[in-house]
PDB file of N, CA and C in Angstrom:
ATOM      1  N   MET A   1     116.219 126.045 124.960  1.00  0.00           N
ATOM      2  CA  MET A   1     115.228 125.936 124.109  1.00  0.00           C
ATOM      3  C   MET A   1     113.782 124.576 124.873  1.00  0.00           C
ATOM      4  N   GLY A   2     112.912 125.097 124.377  1.00  0.00           N
ATOM      5  CA  GLY A   2     112.097 124.075 125.394  1.00  0.00           C
ATOM      6  C   GLY A   2     111.286 123.203 123.929  1.00  0.00           C
ATOM      7  N   ILE A   3     111.103 122.515 124.603  1.00  0.00           N
ATOM      8  CA  ILE A   3     109.802 121.341 123.674  1.00  0.00           C
ATOM      9  C   ILE A   3     108.628 121.996 122.663  1.00  0.00           C
ATOM     10  N   PRO A   4     108.931 121.441 121.753  1.00  0.00           N
ATOM     11  CA  PRO A   4     107.992 122.490 121.154  1.00  0.00           C
ATOM     12  C   PRO A   4     106.447 121.945 121.092  1.00  0.00           C
ATOM     13  N   VAL A   5     105.160 122.702 121.612  1.00  0.00           N
ATOM     14  CA  VAL A   5     103.795 122.173 121.518  1.00  0.00           C
ATOM     15  C   VAL A   5     103.156 122.572 119.801  1.00  0.00           C
ATOM     16  N   LEU A   6     103.567 121.210 119.312  1.00  0.00           N
ATOM     17  CA  LEU A   6     102.808 121.445 118.193  1.00  0.00           C
ATOM     18  C   LEU A   6     101.156 121.803 118.000  1.00  0.00           C
ATOM     19  N   SER A   7     100.926 122.135 116.943  1.00  0.00           N
ATOM     20  CA  SER A   7      99.304 122.371 116.566  1.00  0.00           C
ATOM     21  C   SER A   7      98.476 120.882 115.912  1.00  0.00           C
ATOM     22  N   SER A   8      97.383 120.589 115.808  1.00  0.00           N
ATOM     23  CA  SER A   8      97.419 119.515 115.083  1.00  0.00           C
ATOM     24  C   SER A   8      97.619 119.298 113.689  1.00  0.00           C
ATOM     25  N   GLU A   9      97.925 121.053 113.142  1.00  0.00           N
ATOM     26  CA  GLU A   9      98.323 120.349 111.924  1.00  0.00           C
ATOM     27  C   GLU A   9     100.201 120.112 111.863  1.00  0.00           C
ATOM     28  N   GLU A  10     100.429 120.867 112.334  1.00  0.00           N
ATOM     29  CA  GLU A  10     101.949 120.430 112.330  1.00  0.00           C
ATOM     30  C   GLU A  10     102.316 118.506 113.205  1.00  0.00           C
ATOM     31  N   TRP A  11     101.437 118.601 113.807  1.00  0.00           N
ATOM     32  CA  TRP A  11     101.276 117.282 115.017  1.00  0.00           C
ATOM     33  C   TRP A  11     101.237 116.020 113.284  1.00  0.00           C
ATOM     34  N   GLN A  12      99.753 116.686 112.678  1.00  0.00           N
ATOM     35  CA  GLN A  12      99.697 115.595 111.588  1.00  0.00           C
ATOM     36  C   GLN A  12     100.806 115.120 110.430  1.00  0.00           C
ATOM     37  N   GLU A  13     101.537 116.511 110.196  1.00  0.00           N
ATOM     38  CA  GLU A  13     102.636 116.766 109.316  1.00  0.00           C
ATOM     39  C   GLU A  13     104.104 115.904 109.342  1.00  0.00           C
ATOM     40  N   LYS A  14     104.188 115.874 110.409  1.00  0.00           N
ATOM     41  CA  LYS A  14     105.642 115.422 111.474  1.00  0.00           C
ATOM     42  C   LYS A  14     104.728 113.944 111.387  1.00  0.00           C
ATOM     43  N   LEU A  15     103.806 113.245 111.894  1.00  0.00           N
ATOM     44  CA  LEU A  15     103.131 111.879 112.060  1.00  0.00           C
ATOM     45  C   LEU A  15     103.582 111.245 110.828  1.00  0.00           C
ATOM     46  N   MET A  16     103.211 111.978 109.238  1.00  0.00           N
ATOM     47  CA  MET A  16     102.756 111.320 107.991  1.00  0.00           C
ATOM     48  C   MET A  16     104.482 111.103 107.505  1.00  0.00           C
ATOM     49  N   ARG A  17     105.244 112.237 108.001  1.00  0.00           N
ATOM     50  CA  ARG A  17     106.750 112.105 107.741  1.00  0.00           C
ATOM     51  C   ARG A  17     107.606 111.102 108.197  1.00  0.00           C
ATOM     52  N   LEU A  18     107.262 110.458 109.493  1.00  0.00           N
ATOM     53  CA  LEU A  18     107.811 109.720 110.275  1.00  0.00           C
ATOM     54  C   LEU A  18     107.967 107.962 109.153  1.00  0.00           C
ATOM     55  N   PRO A  19     109.450 107.757 109.499  1.00  0.00           N
ATOM     56  CA  PRO A  19     108.821 106.154 109.070  1.00  0.00           C
ATOM     57  C   PRO A  19     108.581 105.063 109.941  1.00  0.00           C
ATOM     58  N   ARG A  20     108.525 104.197 109.174  1.00  0.00           N
ATOM     59  CA  ARG A  20     107.339 103.398 110.085  1.00  0.00           C
ATOM     60  C   ARG A  20     108.031 102.078 109.477  1.00  0.00           C
ATOM     61  N   ARG A  21     108.115 100.852 110.243  1.00  0.00           N
ATOM     62  CA  ARG A  21     108.932  99.785 110.331  1.00  0.00           C
ATOM     63  C   ARG A  21     107.364  98.867 109.343  1.00  0.00           C
ATOM     64  N   GLY A  22     107.594  98.122 108.852  1.00  0.00           N
ATOM     65  CA  GLY A  22     106.571  96.740 108.232  1.00  0.00           C
ATOM     66  C   GLY A  22     105.588  97.884 106.883  1.00  0.00           C
ATOM     67  N   VAL A  23     105.256  99.126 106.767  1.00  0.00           N
ATOM     68  CA  VAL A  23     104.683  99.632 105.924  1.00  0.00           C
ATOM     69  C   VAL A  23     104.439  98.936 104.724  1.00  0.00           C
ATOM     70  N   GLY A  24     105.286  98.195 104.352  1.00  0.00           N
ATOM     71  CA  GLY A  24     104.772  97.547 102.557  1.00  0.00           C
ATOM     72  C   GLY A  24     104.215  96.206 103.172  1.00  0.00           C
ATOM     73  N   ASN A  25     104.220  95.718 104.389  1.00  0.00           N
ATOM     74  CA  ASN A  25     103.421  94.509 104.659  1.00  0.00           C
ATOM     75  C   ASN A  25     101.669  94.829 104.861  1.00  0.00           C
ATOM     76  N   VAL A  26     101.500  95.854 105.093  1.00  0.00           N
ATOM     77  CA  VAL A  26      99.929  96.528 105.275  1.00  0.00           C
ATOM     78  C   VAL A  26      99.077  96.835 104.059  1.00  0.00           C
ATOM     79  N   THR A  27      98.294  96.184 103.789  1.00  0.00           N
ATOM     80  CA  THR A  27      97.496  96.625 102.244  1.00  0.00           C
ATOM     81  C   THR A  27      96.598  97.598 103.288  1.00  0.00           C
ATOM     82  N   ALA A  28      96.058  97.387 103.874  1.00  0.00           N
ATOM     83  CA  ALA A  28      94.529  97.984 104.653  1.00  0.00           C
ATOM     84  C   ALA A  28      93.847  97.433 105.719  1.00  0.00           C
ATOM     85  N   PHE A  29      93.322  98.333 106.530  1.00  0.00           N
ATOM     86  CA  PHE A  29      92.713  97.966 107.546  1.00  0.00           C
ATOM     87  C   PHE A  29      91.555  98.857 108.040  1.00  0.00           C
ATOM     88  N   PHE A  30      91.195  98.540 109.084  1.00  0.00           N
ATOM     89  CA  PHE A  30      90.010  98.099 109.300  1.00  0.00           C
ATOM     90  C   PHE A  30      89.706  99.517 110.594  1.00  0.00           C
ATOM     91  N   GLU A  31      89.302 100.565 110.457  1.00  0.00           N
ATOM     92  CA  GLU A  31      89.571 101.463 111.673  1.00  0.00           C
ATOM     93  C   GLU A  31      88.131 101.958 112.650  1.00  0.00           C
ATOM     94  N   HIS A  32      87.354 100.730 113.679  1.00  0.00           N
ATOM     95  CA  HIS A  32      86.442 100.860 113.993  1.00  0.00           C
ATOM     96  C   HIS A  32      85.513 101.864 114.213  1.00  0.00           C
ATOM     97  N   ARG A  33      86.309 103.239 114.898  1.00  0.00           N
ATOM     98  CA  ARG A  33      86.336 104.800 115.283  1.00  0.00           C
ATOM     99  C   ARG A  33      85.755 105.137 113.965  1.00  0.00           C
ATOM    100  N   MET A  34      86.272 104.862 112.626  1.00  0.00           N
ATOM    101  CA  MET A  34      85.930 106.008 111.761  1.00  0.00           C
ATOM    102  C   MET A  34      84.806 105.183 110.666  1.00  0.00           C
ATOM    103  N   GLY A  35      84.461 104.004 111.295  1.00  0.00           N
ATOM    104  CA  GLY A  35      83.355 103.318 110.394  1.00  0.00           C
ATOM    105  C   GLY A  35      84.081 102.859 109.117  1.00  0.00           C
ATOM    106  N   GLY A  36      85.630 102.287 108.913  1.00  0.00           N
ATOM    107  CA  GLY A  36      85.756 102.324 107.178  1.00  0.00           C
ATOM    108  C   GLY A  36      87.180 101.903 107.460  1.00  0.00           C
ATOM    109  N   ILE A  37      87.875 101.860 105.969  1.00  0.00           N
ATOM    110  CA  ILE A  37      89.040 100.719 106.132  1.00  0.00           C
ATOM    111  C   ILE A  37      90.110 102.172 105.331  1.00  0.00           C
ATOM    112  N   CYS A  38      90.996 101.865 105.607  1.00  0.00           N
ATOM    113  CA  CYS A  38      91.915 102.822 105.488  1.00  0.00           C
ATOM    114  C   CYS A  38      93.204 102.097 104.800  1.00  0.00           C
ATOM    115  N   ARG A  39      93.704 102.497 103.519  1.00  0.00           N
ATOM    116  CA  ARG A  39      95.103 102.117 102.998  1.00  0.00           C
ATOM    117  C   ARG A  39      95.824 102.342 102.958  1.00  0.00           C
ATOM    118  N   ASP A  40      96.508 103.863 103.902  1.00  0.00           N
ATOM    119  CA  ASP A  40      97.682 104.099 104.640  1.00  0.00           C
ATOM    120  C   ASP A  40      97.960 103.847 105.293  1.00  0.00           C
ATOM    121  N   PRO A  41      99.219 103.205 105.748  1.00  0.00           N
ATOM    122  CA  PRO A  41      99.336 102.265 106.313  1.00  0.00           C
ATOM    123  C   PRO A  41     100.376 103.116 107.598  1.00  0.00           C
ATOM    124  N   ARG A  42     100.245 104.358 107.469  1.00  0.00           N
ATOM    125  CA  ARG A  42     100.930 105.428 108.869  1.00  0.00           C
ATOM    126  C   ARG A  42      99.794 106.160 109.094  1.00  0.00           C
ATOM    127  N   HIS A  43      98.638 105.723 109.245  1.00  0.00           N
ATOM    128  CA  HIS A  43      97.419 105.891 109.948  1.00  0.00           C
ATOM    129  C   HIS A  43      96.989 104.797 110.377  1.00  0.00           C
ATOM    130  N   LEU A  44      98.033 103.648 110.820  1.00  0.00           N
ATOM    131  CA  LEU A  44      97.820 102.456 111.528  1.00  0.00           C
ATOM    132  C   LEU A  44      98.543 102.473 113.106  1.00  0.00           C
ATOM    133  N   LEU A  45      97.768 103.279 113.879  1.00  0.00           N
ATOM    134  CA  LEU A  45      97.821 103.614 115.185  1.00  0.00           C
ATOM    135  C   LEU A  45      97.086 103.214 116.001  1.00  0.00           C
ATOM    136  N   VAL A  46      97.105 102.802 117.582  1.00  0.00           N
ATOM    137  CA  VAL A  46      95.948 102.493 118.459  1.00  0.00           C
ATOM    138  C   VAL A  46      96.496 103.545 119.886  1.00  0.00           C
ATOM    139  N   PRO A  47      95.733 104.288 119.822  1.00  0.00           N
ATOM    140  CA  PRO A  47      95.532 104.811 120.997  1.00  0.00           C
ATOM    141  C   PRO A  47      95.711 104.358 122.709  1.00  0.00           C
ATOM    142  N   LEU A  48      96.094 104.658 123.119  1.00  0.00           N
ATOM    143  CA  LEU A  48      96.821 104.098 124.537  1.00  0.00           C
ATOM    144  C   LEU A  48      95.688 104.489 125.633  1.00  0.00           C
ATOM    145  N   ASP A  49      94.706 105.006 125.137  1.00  0.00           N
ATOM    146  CA  ASP A  49      93.065 104.617 126.130  1.00  0.00           C
ATOM    147  C   ASP A  49      92.416 104.003 125.691  1.00  0.00           C
ATOM    148  N   ASP A  50      92.605 102.606 124.455  1.00  0.00           N
ATOM    149  CA  ASP A  50      91.854 101.751 124.428  1.00  0.00           C
ATOM    150  C   ASP A  50      91.823 100.891 125.326  1.00  0.00           C
ATOM    151  N   HIS A  51      90.977 100.077 125.029  1.00  0.00           N
ATOM    152  CA  HIS A  51      90.956  99.251 126.526  1.00  0.00           C
ATOM    153  C   HIS A  51      91.280  98.186 125.890  1.00  0.00           C
ATOM    154  N   MET A  52      91.692  97.727 124.407  1.00  0.00           N
ATOM    155  CA  MET A  52      92.240  96.747 124.084  1.00  0.00           C
ATOM    156  C   MET A  52      94.186  97.044 124.809  1.00  0.00           C
ATOM    157  N   VAL A  53      94.323  98.165 124.632  1.00  0.00           N
ATOM    158  CA  VAL A  53      96.007  98.441 125.115  1.00  0.00           C
ATOM    159  C   VAL A  53      95.599  98.392 126.830  1.00  0.00           C
ATOM    160  N   HIS A  54      94.870  99.023 127.598  1.00  0.00           N
ATOM    161  CA  HIS A  54      94.941  98.912 128.924  1.00  0.00           C
ATOM    162  C   HIS A  54      94.118  98.551 129.491  1.00  0.00           C
ATOM    163  N   ARG A  55      93.197  97.679 129.014  1.00  0.00           N
ATOM    164  CA  ARG A  55      92.568  96.366 129.884  1.00  0.00           C
ATOM    165  C   ARG A  55      92.795  94.887 129.003  1.00  0.00           C
ATOM    166  N   GLY A  56      93.076  94.489 127.712  1.00  0.00           N
ATOM    167  CA  GLY A  56      93.730  93.429 127.239  1.00  0.00           C
ATOM    168  C   GLY A  56      91.974  93.021 126.937  1.00  0.00           C
ATOM    169  N   ASP A  57      91.412  94.516 126.078  1.00  0.00           N
ATOM    170  CA  ASP A  57      89.958  93.754 126.183  1.00  0.00           C
ATOM    171  C   ASP A  57      89.858  93.596 124.623  1.00  0.00           C
ATOM    172  N   ALA A  58      90.483  92.410 124.051  1.00  0.00           N
ATOM    173  CA  ALA A  58      90.514  92.632 122.724  1.00  0.00           C
ATOM    174  C   ALA A  58      90.738  91.293 121.601  1.00  0.00           C
ATOM    175  N   VAL A  59      90.258  90.880 120.789  1.00  0.00           N
ATOM    176  CA  VAL A  59      90.539  89.769 120.120  1.00  0.00           C
ATOM    177  C   VAL A  59      90.776  90.837 118.611  1.00  0.00           C
ATOM    178  N   PHE A  60      91.892  90.034 118.297  1.00  0.00           N
ATOM    179  CA  PHE A  60      92.277  90.359 117.005  1.00  0.00           C
ATOM    180  C   PHE A  60      93.648  89.671 116.477  1.00  0.00           C
ATOM    181  N   GLU A  61      93.240  89.106 115.086  1.00  0.00           N
ATOM    182  CA  GLU A  61      94.219  88.168 114.321  1.00  0.00           C
ATOM    183  C   GLU A  61      94.629  89.282 113.503  1.00  0.00           C
ATOM    184  N   SER A  62      96.370  88.909 112.948  1.00  0.00           N
ATOM    185  CA  SER A  62      96.881  89.367 110.936  1.00  0.00           C
ATOM    186  C   SER A  62      96.300  88.295 110.616  1.00  0.00           C
ATOM    187  N   LEU A  63      96.468  88.545 109.227  1.00  0.00           N
ATOM    188  CA  LEU A  63      95.892  87.852 107.963  1.00  0.00           C
ATOM    189  C   LEU A  63      96.870  88.124 106.940  1.00  0.00           C
ATOM    190  N   ALA A  64      97.271  87.094 106.094  1.00  0.00           N
ATOM    191  CA  ALA A  64      97.902  86.811 104.898  1.00  0.00           C
ATOM    192  C   ALA A  64      97.208  87.035 103.877  1.00  0.00           C
ATOM    193  N   PHE A  65      96.880  87.731 102.850  1.00  0.00           N
ATOM    194  CA  PHE A  65      96.186  87.956 101.857  1.00  0.00           C
ATOM    195  C   PHE A  65      97.758  87.222 100.395  1.00  0.00           C
ATOM    196  N   ARG A  66      97.088  86.272  99.742  1.00  0.00           N
ATOM    197  CA  ARG A  66      97.999  85.915  98.672  1.00  0.00           C
ATOM    198  C   ARG A  66      97.638  85.091  97.970  1.00  0.00           C
ATOM    199  N   ASN A  67      97.610  85.706  96.934  1.00  0.00           N
ATOM    200  CA  ASN A  67      96.877  84.909  95.148  1.00  0.00           C
ATOM    201  C   ASN A  67      95.346  84.802  95.238  1.00  0.00           C
ATOM    202  N   GLY A  68      95.071  86.164  95.500  1.00  0.00           N
ATOM    203  CA  GLY A  68      93.692  86.448  95.914  1.00  0.00           C
ATOM    204  C   GLY A  68      92.700  85.616  96.977  1.00  0.00           C
ATOM    205  N   ALA A  69      93.181  85.187  98.165  1.00  0.00           N
ATOM    206  CA  ALA A  69      92.738  84.433  99.307  1.00  0.00           C
ATOM    207  C   ALA A  69      93.293  84.430 100.328  1.00  0.00           C
ATOM    208  N   ILE A  70      92.632  84.309 101.551  1.00  0.00           N
ATOM    209  CA  ILE A  70      92.986  84.574 102.567  1.00  0.00           C
ATOM    210  C   ILE A  70      94.175  83.587 103.324  1.00  0.00           C
ATOM    211  N   VAL A  71      95.262  83.129 103.616  1.00  0.00           N
ATOM    212  CA  VAL A  71      95.641  81.943 103.593  1.00  0.00           C
ATOM    213  C   VAL A  71      95.414  81.528 105.161  1.00  0.00           C
ATOM    214  N   GLN A  72      95.483  80.090 105.310  1.00  0.00           N
ATOM    215  CA  GLN A  72      94.623  79.615 106.240  1.00  0.00           C
ATOM    216  C   GLN A  72      93.437  80.092 106.901  1.00  0.00           C
ATOM    217  N   LEU A  73      92.790  80.485 106.559  1.00  0.00           N
ATOM    218  CA  LEU A  73      91.348  81.411 106.805  1.00  0.00           C
ATOM    219  C   LEU A  73      90.362  80.404 107.789  1.00  0.00           C
ATOM    220  N   ASP A  74      90.339  78.854 107.984  1.00  0.00           N
ATOM    221  CA  ASP A  74      90.047  78.397 108.377  1.00  0.00           C
ATOM    222  C   ASP A  74      90.473  78.281 110.046  1.00  0.00           C
ATOM    223  N   ALA A  75      92.100  78.048 109.739  1.00  0.00           N
ATOM    224  CA  ALA A  75      93.247  78.082 111.236  1.00  0.00           C
ATOM    225  C   ALA A  75      92.308  79.857 111.401  1.00  0.00           C
ATOM    226  N   HIS A  76      92.094  81.038 110.998  1.00  0.00           N
ATOM    227  CA  HIS A  76      92.045  82.286 111.704  1.00  0.00           C
ATOM    228  C   HIS A  76      90.627  82.389 112.347  1.00  0.00           C
ATOM    229  N   MET A  77      90.049  81.607 111.485  1.00  0.00           N
ATOM    230  CA  MET A  77      88.173  81.788 112.368  1.00  0.00           C
ATOM    231  C   MET A  77      88.003  80.921 113.372  1.00  0.00           C
ATOM    232  N   GLU A  78      89.300  79.609 113.392  1.00  0.00           N
ATOM    233  CA  GLU A  78      88.742  79.033 114.752  1.00  0.00           C
ATOM    234  C   GLU A  78      89.389  79.416 115.445  1.00  0.00           C
ATOM    235  N   ARG A  79      90.474  80.348 115.674  1.00  0.00           N
ATOM    236  CA  ARG A  79      91.505  81.083 116.801  1.00  0.00           C
ATOM    237  C   ARG A  79      90.516  82.230 117.155  1.00  0.00           C
ATOM    238  N   MET A  80      89.906  82.928 116.764  1.00  0.00           N
ATOM    239  CA  MET A  80      89.406  83.948 116.940  1.00  0.00           C
ATOM    240  C   MET A  80      88.203  83.649 117.560  1.00  0.00           C
ATOM    241  N   MET A  81      87.113  82.595 117.172  1.00  0.00           N
ATOM    242  CA  MET A  81      85.896  82.278 117.773  1.00  0.00           C
ATOM    243  C   MET A  81      86.151  81.701 118.837  1.00  0.00           C
ATOM    244  N   HIS A  82      87.456  80.895 119.158  1.00  0.00           N
ATOM    245  CA  HIS A  82      87.954  80.481 120.496  1.00  0.00           C
ATOM    246  C   HIS A  82      88.599  81.613 121.461  1.00  0.00           C
ATOM    247  N   SER A  83      89.026  82.398 121.065  1.00  0.00           N
ATOM    248  CA  SER A  83      89.144  83.778 121.987  1.00  0.00           C
ATOM    249  C   SER A  83      88.096  84.645 122.341  1.00  0.00           C
ATOM    250  N   ALA A  84      87.107  84.317 121.430  1.00  0.00           N
ATOM    251  CA  ALA A  84      86.072  85.148 121.415  1.00  0.00           C
ATOM    252  C   ALA A  84      84.816  84.663 122.881  1.00  0.00           C
ATOM    253  N   GLU A  85      85.086  82.912 122.702  1.00  0.00           N
ATOM    254  CA  GLU A  85      84.114  83.085 123.556  1.00  0.00           C
ATOM    255  C   GLU A  85      84.879  83.228 125.194  1.00  0.00           C
ATOM    256  N   ARG A  86      86.227  83.250 124.918  1.00  0.00           N
ATOM    257  CA  ARG A  86      86.909  83.311 126.841  1.00  0.00           C
ATOM    258  C   ARG A  86      86.389  84.168 127.129  1.00  0.00           C
TER     259      ARG A  86
END
């Protein structure tokens, strides 16, 4: 028996059933290729051909949102600006 070749539908179905660590910690994420925000963390995937992955061509921050506000927003923004200037 060999490795099965899955259709797009089969791939998506299996992907949605896979356990994902940290799913409960993600409220939403923005996906620039889709041009929108998704609230299902099972779709939070980074393609291997993304320049962020194979060229280190990215700046990103993870934010905590508590009691209606972003925790330490000023510090996050300062780090982002510093990294983007490089």
